[in-house]
Amino acid sequence: ENSPISVLDPESMQEVCPPTLSPEPSISRLS
């Protein structure tokens, strides 16, 4: 549990907010 979710700005290539922790395991596919 607690896989980090990161949100990146496509121009600056920096995070737009701190990573959010997901409450479940992940195989890393998102929609």
PDB file of all heavy atoms in Angstrom:
ATOM      1  N   GLU A   1       0.834  -1.196   0.000  1.00  0.00           N
ATOM      2  CA  GLU A   1       0.000   0.000   0.000  1.00  0.00           C
ATOM      3  C   GLU A   1       0.870   1.248   0.000  1.00  0.00           C
ATOM      4  O   GLU A   1       2.069   1.196   0.239  1.00  0.00           O
ATOM      5  CB  GLU A   1      -0.920  -0.014   1.221  1.00  0.00           C
ATOM      6  CG  GLU A   1      -1.931  -1.136   1.180  1.00  0.00           C
ATOM      7  CD  GLU A   1      -2.831  -1.170   2.397  1.00  0.00           C
ATOM      8  OE1 GLU A   1      -2.741  -0.275   3.257  1.00  0.00           O
ATOM      9  OE2 GLU A   1      -3.629  -2.101   2.473  1.00  0.00           O
ATOM     10  N   ASN A   2       0.241   2.364  -0.248  1.00  0.00           N
ATOM     11  CA  ASN A   2       0.885   3.674  -0.246  1.00  0.00           C
ATOM     12  C   ASN A   2       1.839   3.891  -1.410  1.00  0.00           C
ATOM     13  O   ASN A   2       2.920   4.430  -1.269  1.00  0.00           O
ATOM     14  CB  ASN A   2       1.583   3.947   1.085  1.00  0.00           C
ATOM     15  CG  ASN A   2       0.612   3.961   2.236  1.00  0.00           C
ATOM     16  OD1 ASN A   2      -0.512   4.447   2.086  1.00  0.00           O
ATOM     17  ND2 ASN A   2       1.000   3.422   3.369  1.00  0.00           N
ATOM     18  N   SER A   3       1.430   3.456  -2.595  1.00  0.00           N
ATOM     19  CA  SER A   3       2.150   3.757  -3.822  1.00  0.00           C
ATOM     20  C   SER A   3       1.997   5.245  -4.124  1.00  0.00           C
ATOM     21  O   SER A   3       0.894   5.759  -4.107  1.00  0.00           O
ATOM     22  CB  SER A   3       1.507   2.996  -4.975  1.00  0.00           C
ATOM     23  OG  SER A   3       2.263   1.977  -5.420  1.00  0.00           O
ATOM     24  N   PRO A   4       3.089   5.952  -4.425  1.00  0.00           N
ATOM     25  CA  PRO A   4       2.958   7.374  -4.710  1.00  0.00           C
ATOM     26  C   PRO A   4       2.400   7.641  -6.107  1.00  0.00           C
ATOM     27  O   PRO A   4       2.767   6.971  -7.074  1.00  0.00           O
ATOM     28  CB  PRO A   4       4.386   7.896  -4.591  1.00  0.00           C
ATOM     29  CG  PRO A   4       5.231   6.726  -4.907  1.00  0.00           C
ATOM     30  CD  PRO A   4       4.486   5.519  -4.419  1.00  0.00           C
ATOM     31  N   ILE A   5       1.519   8.625  -6.182  1.00  0.00           N
ATOM     32  CA  ILE A   5       0.996   9.127  -7.451  1.00  0.00           C
ATOM     33  C   ILE A   5       1.600  10.511  -7.644  1.00  0.00           C
ATOM     34  O   ILE A   5       1.484  11.368  -6.772  1.00  0.00           O
ATOM     35  CB  ILE A   5      -0.541   9.208  -7.424  1.00  0.00           C
ATOM     36  CG1 ILE A   5      -1.144   7.824  -7.219  1.00  0.00           C
ATOM     37  CG2 ILE A   5      -1.062   9.848  -8.711  1.00  0.00           C
ATOM     38  CD1 ILE A   5      -2.635   7.835  -6.983  1.00  0.00           C
ATOM     39  N   SER A   6       2.248  10.727  -8.779  1.00  0.00           N
ATOM     40  CA  SER A   6       2.889  12.007  -9.074  1.00  0.00           C
ATOM     41  C   SER A   6       2.204  12.682 -10.248  1.00  0.00           C
ATOM     42  O   SER A   6       1.811  12.017 -11.214  1.00  0.00           O
ATOM     43  CB  SER A   6       4.370  11.809  -9.403  1.00  0.00           C
ATOM     44  OG  SER A   6       5.061  11.309  -8.278  1.00  0.00           O
ATOM     45  N   VAL A   7       2.079  14.007 -10.164  1.00  0.00           N
ATOM     46  CA  VAL A   7       1.482  14.818 -11.232  1.00  0.00           C
ATOM     47  C   VAL A   7       2.546  15.784 -11.727  1.00  0.00           C
ATOM     48  O   VAL A   7       3.092  16.568 -10.951  1.00  0.00           O
ATOM     49  CB  VAL A   7       0.249  15.602 -10.714  1.00  0.00           C
ATOM     50  CG1 VAL A   7      -0.384  16.393 -11.856  1.00  0.00           C
ATOM     51  CG2 VAL A   7      -0.769  14.657 -10.080  1.00  0.00           C
ATOM     52  N   LEU A   8       2.856  15.703 -13.029  1.00  0.00           N
ATOM     53  CA  LEU A   8       3.928  16.511 -13.616  1.00  0.00           C
ATOM     54  C   LEU A   8       3.387  17.552 -14.579  1.00  0.00           C
ATOM     55  O   LEU A   8       2.452  17.276 -15.347  1.00  0.00           O
ATOM     56  CB  LEU A   8       4.913  15.623 -14.378  1.00  0.00           C
ATOM     57  CG  LEU A   8       5.575  14.483 -13.619  1.00  0.00           C
ATOM     58  CD1 LEU A   8       6.462  13.678 -14.552  1.00  0.00           C
ATOM     59  CD2 LEU A   8       6.368  15.026 -12.448  1.00  0.00           C
ATOM     60  N   ASP A   9       3.989  18.726 -14.562  1.00  0.00           N
ATOM     61  CA  ASP A   9       3.706  19.747 -15.567  1.00  0.00           C
ATOM     62  C   ASP A   9       4.477  19.366 -16.833  1.00  0.00           C
ATOM     63  O   ASP A   9       5.689  19.104 -16.766  1.00  0.00           O
ATOM     64  CB  ASP A   9       4.180  21.109 -15.059  1.00  0.00           C
ATOM     65  CG  ASP A   9       3.974  22.188 -16.088  1.00  0.00           C
ATOM     66  OD1 ASP A   9       2.888  22.785 -16.102  1.00  0.00           O
ATOM     67  OD2 ASP A   9       4.911  22.409 -16.890  1.00  0.00           O
ATOM     68  N   PRO A  10       3.809  19.286 -17.990  1.00  0.00           N
ATOM     69  CA  PRO A  10       4.487  18.817 -19.194  1.00  0.00           C
ATOM     70  C   PRO A  10       5.547  19.779 -19.732  1.00  0.00           C
ATOM     71  O   PRO A  10       6.444  19.359 -20.459  1.00  0.00           O
ATOM     72  CB  PRO A  10       3.352  18.645 -20.200  1.00  0.00           C
ATOM     73  CG  PRO A  10       2.308  19.594 -19.744  1.00  0.00           C
ATOM     74  CD  PRO A  10       2.406  19.620 -18.246  1.00  0.00           C
ATOM     75  N   GLU A  11       5.457  21.056 -19.386  1.00  0.00           N
ATOM     76  CA  GLU A  11       6.432  22.034 -19.881  1.00  0.00           C
ATOM     77  C   GLU A  11       7.675  22.089 -18.993  1.00  0.00           C
ATOM     78  O   GLU A  11       8.797  21.999 -19.484  1.00  0.00           O
ATOM     79  CB  GLU A  11       5.787  23.421 -19.985  1.00  0.00           C
ATOM     80  CG  GLU A  11       4.613  23.476 -20.954  1.00  0.00           C
ATOM     81  CD  GLU A  11       4.984  23.142 -22.388  1.00  0.00           C
ATOM     82  OE1 GLU A  11       6.089  23.515 -22.833  1.00  0.00           O
ATOM     83  OE2 GLU A  11       4.155  22.504 -23.066  1.00  0.00           O
ATOM     84  N   SER A  12       7.474  22.243 -17.687  1.00  0.00           N
ATOM     85  CA  SER A  12       8.617  22.381 -16.771  1.00  0.00           C
ATOM     86  C   SER A  12       9.207  21.043 -16.346  1.00  0.00           C
ATOM     87  O   SER A  12      10.327  20.998 -15.849  1.00  0.00           O
ATOM     88  CB  SER A  12       8.193  23.148 -15.516  1.00  0.00           C
ATOM     89  OG  SER A  12       7.302  22.371 -14.723  1.00  0.00           O
ATOM     90  N   MET A  13       8.443  19.953 -16.530  1.00  0.00           N
ATOM     91  CA  MET A  13       8.850  18.619 -16.079  1.00  0.00           C
ATOM     92  C   MET A  13       9.123  18.610 -14.574  1.00  0.00           C
ATOM     93  O   MET A  13      10.052  17.966 -14.097  1.00  0.00           O
ATOM     94  CB  MET A  13      10.059  18.105 -16.864  1.00  0.00           C
ATOM     95  CG  MET A  13       9.778  17.835 -18.326  1.00  0.00           C
ATOM     96  SD  MET A  13       8.499  16.582 -18.577  1.00  0.00           S
ATOM     97  CE  MET A  13       9.329  15.111 -18.011  1.00  0.00           C
ATOM     98  N   GLN A  14       8.305  19.317 -13.810  1.00  0.00           N
ATOM     99  CA  GLN A  14       8.367  19.335 -12.356  1.00  0.00           C
ATOM    100  C   GLN A  14       7.005  18.942 -11.810  1.00  0.00           C
ATOM    101  O   GLN A  14       5.983  19.089 -12.487  1.00  0.00           O
ATOM    102  CB  GLN A  14       8.746  20.731 -11.846  1.00  0.00           C
ATOM    103  CG  GLN A  14      10.134  21.175 -12.265  1.00  0.00           C
ATOM    104  CD  GLN A  14      11.220  20.283 -11.702  1.00  0.00           C
ATOM    105  OE1 GLN A  14      11.238  19.982 -10.512  1.00  0.00           O
ATOM    106  NE2 GLN A  14      12.138  19.848 -12.548  1.00  0.00           N
ATOM    107  N   GLU A  15       6.994  18.456 -10.570  1.00  0.00           N
ATOM    108  CA  GLU A  15       5.720  18.104  -9.942  1.00  0.00           C
ATOM    109  C   GLU A  15       4.910  19.361  -9.664  1.00  0.00           C
ATOM    110  O   GLU A  15       5.461  20.380  -9.253  1.00  0.00           O
ATOM    111  CB  GLU A  15       5.958  17.325  -8.650  1.00  0.00           C
ATOM    112  CG  GLU A  15       6.453  15.919  -8.920  1.00  0.00           C
ATOM    113  CD  GLU A  15       6.549  15.076  -7.678  1.00  0.00           C
ATOM    114  OE1 GLU A  15       7.233  15.498  -6.728  1.00  0.00           O
ATOM    115  OE2 GLU A  15       5.933  14.002  -7.676  1.00  0.00           O
ATOM    116  N   VAL A  16       3.592  19.272  -9.891  1.00  0.00           N
ATOM    117  CA  VAL A  16       2.711  20.412  -9.641  1.00  0.00           C
ATOM    118  C   VAL A  16       2.158  20.396  -8.225  1.00  0.00           C
ATOM    119  O   VAL A  16       1.571  21.374  -7.784  1.00  0.00           O
ATOM    120  CB  VAL A  16       1.565  20.496 -10.670  1.00  0.00           C
ATOM    121  CG1 VAL A  16       2.123  20.692 -12.075  1.00  0.00           C
ATOM    122  CG2 VAL A  16       0.679  19.274 -10.616  1.00  0.00           C
ATOM    123  N   CYS A  17       2.357  19.285  -7.518  1.00  0.00           N
ATOM    124  CA  CYS A  17       1.917  19.143  -6.133  1.00  0.00           C
ATOM    125  C   CYS A  17       2.720  18.002  -5.513  1.00  0.00           C
ATOM    126  O   CYS A  17       3.328  17.216  -6.229  1.00  0.00           O
ATOM    127  CB  CYS A  17       0.419  18.861  -6.054  1.00  0.00           C
ATOM    128  SG  CYS A  17      -0.103  17.372  -6.928  1.00  0.00           S
ATOM    129  N   PRO A  18       2.737  17.904  -4.187  1.00  0.00           N
ATOM    130  CA  PRO A  18       3.439  16.774  -3.567  1.00  0.00           C
ATOM    131  C   PRO A  18       2.793  15.448  -3.985  1.00  0.00           C
ATOM    132  O   PRO A  18       1.584  15.400  -4.262  1.00  0.00           O
ATOM    133  CB  PRO A  18       3.262  17.009  -2.069  1.00  0.00           C
ATOM    134  CG  PRO A  18       2.938  18.453  -1.935  1.00  0.00           C
ATOM    135  CD  PRO A  18       2.194  18.829  -3.195  1.00  0.00           C
ATOM    136  N   PRO A  19       3.568  14.357  -4.039  1.00  0.00           N
ATOM    137  CA  PRO A  19       2.983  13.055  -4.373  1.00  0.00           C
ATOM    138  C   PRO A  19       1.855  12.695  -3.402  1.00  0.00           C
ATOM    139  O   PRO A  19       1.906  13.014  -2.219  1.00  0.00           O
ATOM    140  CB  PRO A  19       4.145  12.076  -4.232  1.00  0.00           C
ATOM    141  CG  PRO A  19       5.367  12.910  -4.396  1.00  0.00           C
ATOM    142  CD  PRO A  19       5.014  14.252  -3.816  1.00  0.00           C
ATOM    143  N   THR A  20       0.838  12.050  -3.937  1.00  0.00           N
ATOM    144  CA  THR A  20      -0.294  11.557  -3.148  1.00  0.00           C
ATOM    145  C   THR A  20      -0.119  10.063  -2.989  1.00  0.00           C
ATOM    146  O   THR A  20       0.244   9.371  -3.942  1.00  0.00           O
ATOM    147  CB  THR A  20      -1.623  11.838  -3.886  1.00  0.00           C
ATOM    148  OG1 THR A  20      -1.741  13.242  -4.065  1.00  0.00           O
ATOM    149  CG2 THR A  20      -2.803  11.307  -3.124  1.00  0.00           C
ATOM    150  N   LEU A  21      -0.364   9.542  -1.812  1.00  0.00           N
ATOM    151  CA  LEU A  21      -0.228   8.103  -1.592  1.00  0.00           C
ATOM    152  C   LEU A  21      -1.538   7.400  -1.890  1.00  0.00           C
ATOM    153  O   LEU A  21      -2.594   7.784  -1.410  1.00  0.00           O
ATOM    154  CB  LEU A  21       0.224   7.824  -0.160  1.00  0.00           C
ATOM    155  CG  LEU A  21       1.591   8.387   0.186  1.00  0.00           C
ATOM    156  CD1 LEU A  21       1.941   8.073   1.631  1.00  0.00           C
ATOM    157  CD2 LEU A  21       2.667   7.851  -0.743  1.00  0.00           C
ATOM    158  N   SER A  22      -1.442   6.355  -2.699  1.00  0.00           N
ATOM    159  CA  SER A  22      -2.600   5.545  -3.053  1.00  0.00           C
ATOM    160  C   SER A  22      -2.839   4.498  -1.970  1.00  0.00           C
ATOM    161  O   SER A  22      -1.886   3.933  -1.441  1.00  0.00           O
ATOM    162  CB  SER A  22      -2.333   4.848  -4.382  1.00  0.00           C
ATOM    163  OG  SER A  22      -3.322   3.903  -4.661  1.00  0.00           O
ATOM    164  N   PRO A  23      -4.093   4.201  -1.649  1.00  0.00           N
ATOM    165  CA  PRO A  23      -4.368   3.246  -0.577  1.00  0.00           C
ATOM    166  C   PRO A  23      -4.250   1.769  -0.973  1.00  0.00           C
ATOM    167  O   PRO A  23      -4.492   0.904  -0.159  1.00  0.00           O
ATOM    168  CB  PRO A  23      -5.798   3.580  -0.181  1.00  0.00           C
ATOM    169  CG  PRO A  23      -6.410   4.100  -1.432  1.00  0.00           C
ATOM    170  CD  PRO A  23      -5.303   4.832  -2.147  1.00  0.00           C
ATOM    171  N   GLU A  24      -3.882   1.475  -2.225  1.00  0.00           N
ATOM    172  CA  GLU A  24      -3.815   0.068  -2.631  1.00  0.00           C
ATOM    173  C   GLU A  24      -2.564  -0.213  -3.447  1.00  0.00           C
ATOM    174  O   GLU A  24      -1.958   0.701  -4.001  1.00  0.00           O
ATOM    175  CB  GLU A  24      -5.054  -0.316  -3.436  1.00  0.00           C
ATOM    176  CG  GLU A  24      -5.107   0.282  -4.820  1.00  0.00           C
ATOM    177  CD  GLU A  24      -5.868   1.597  -4.901  1.00  0.00           C
ATOM    178  OE1 GLU A  24      -6.653   1.905  -4.016  1.00  0.00           O
ATOM    179  OE2 GLU A  24      -5.641   2.329  -5.874  1.00  0.00           O
ATOM    180  N   PRO A  25      -2.164  -1.490  -3.543  1.00  0.00           N
ATOM    181  CA  PRO A  25      -1.048  -1.872  -4.416  1.00  0.00           C
ATOM    182  C   PRO A  25      -1.384  -1.523  -5.868  1.00  0.00           C
ATOM    183  O   PRO A  25      -2.535  -1.281  -6.209  1.00  0.00           O
ATOM    184  CB  PRO A  25      -0.929  -3.377  -4.223  1.00  0.00           C
ATOM    185  CG  PRO A  25      -1.643  -3.663  -2.953  1.00  0.00           C
ATOM    186  CD  PRO A  25      -2.721  -2.623  -2.831  1.00  0.00           C
ATOM    187  N   SER A  26      -0.375  -1.536  -6.727  1.00  0.00           N
ATOM    188  CA  SER A  26      -0.595  -1.086  -8.094  1.00  0.00           C
ATOM    189  C   SER A  26       0.312  -1.825  -9.067  1.00  0.00           C
ATOM    190  O   SER A  26       1.448  -2.135  -8.749  1.00  0.00           O
ATOM    191  CB  SER A  26      -0.291   0.409  -8.170  1.00  0.00           C
ATOM    192  OG  SER A  26      -0.240   0.839  -9.500  1.00  0.00           O
ATOM    193  N   ILE A  27      -0.207  -2.028 -10.294  1.00  0.00           N
ATOM    194  CA  ILE A  27       0.658  -2.469 -11.382  1.00  0.00           C
ATOM    195  C   ILE A  27       1.015  -1.279 -12.262  1.00  0.00           C
ATOM    196  O   ILE A  27       1.571  -1.432 -13.326  1.00  0.00           O
ATOM    197  CB  ILE A  27       0.043  -3.605 -12.220  1.00  0.00           C
ATOM    198  CG1 ILE A  27      -1.253  -3.148 -12.875  1.00  0.00           C
ATOM    199  CG2 ILE A  27      -0.132  -4.848 -11.416  1.00  0.00           C
ATOM    200  CD1 ILE A  27      -1.725  -4.051 -13.982  1.00  0.00           C
ATOM    201  N   SER A  28       0.638  -0.086 -11.821  1.00  0.00           N
ATOM    202  CA  SER A  28       1.059   1.178 -12.405  1.00  0.00           C
ATOM    203  C   SER A  28       0.295   1.598 -13.647  1.00  0.00           C
ATOM    204  O   SER A  28       0.706   2.518 -14.319  1.00  0.00           O
ATOM    205  CB  SER A  28       2.557   1.137 -12.705  1.00  0.00           C
ATOM    206  OG  SER A  28       3.031   2.401 -13.056  1.00  0.00           O
ATOM    207  N   ARG A  29      -0.790   0.994 -13.987  1.00  0.00           N
ATOM    208  CA  ARG A  29      -1.596   1.455 -15.106  1.00  0.00           C
ATOM    209  C   ARG A  29      -2.685   2.378 -14.592  1.00  0.00           C
ATOM    210  O   ARG A  29      -3.359   2.089 -13.616  1.00  0.00           O
ATOM    211  CB  ARG A  29      -2.219   0.288 -15.880  1.00  0.00           C
ATOM    212  CG  ARG A  29      -1.183  -0.622 -16.511  1.00  0.00           C
ATOM    213  CD  ARG A  29      -0.457   0.123 -17.606  1.00  0.00           C
ATOM    214  NE  ARG A  29       0.517  -0.759 -18.244  1.00  0.00           N
ATOM    215  CZ  ARG A  29       1.575  -0.307 -18.868  1.00  0.00           C
ATOM    216  NH1 ARG A  29       1.839   0.965 -18.935  1.00  0.00           N
ATOM    217  NH2 ARG A  29       2.399  -1.136 -19.441  1.00  0.00           N
ATOM    218  N   LEU A  30      -2.847   3.520 -15.243  1.00  0.00           N
ATOM    219  CA  LEU A  30      -3.824   4.510 -14.849  1.00  0.00           C
ATOM    220  C   LEU A  30      -4.747   4.835 -16.000  1.00  0.00           C
ATOM    221  O   LEU A  30      -4.379   4.699 -17.158  1.00  0.00           O
ATOM    222  CB  LEU A  30      -3.120   5.817 -14.429  1.00  0.00           C
ATOM    223  CG  LEU A  30      -2.192   5.767 -13.238  1.00  0.00           C
ATOM    224  CD1 LEU A  30      -1.455   7.088 -13.102  1.00  0.00           C
ATOM    225  CD2 LEU A  30      -2.981   5.482 -11.970  1.00  0.00           C
ATOM    226  N   SER A  31      -5.920   5.335 -15.693  1.00  0.00           N
ATOM    227  CA  SER A  31      -6.805   5.890 -16.702  1.00  0.00           C
ATOM    228  C   SER A  31      -7.395   7.166 -16.129  1.00  0.00           C
ATOM    229  O   SER A  31      -7.367   7.401 -14.928  1.00  0.00           O
ATOM    230  CB  SER A  31      -7.899   4.895 -17.097  1.00  0.00           C
ATOM    231  OG  SER A  31      -8.697   4.586 -15.983  1.00  0.00           O
TER     232      SER A  31
END
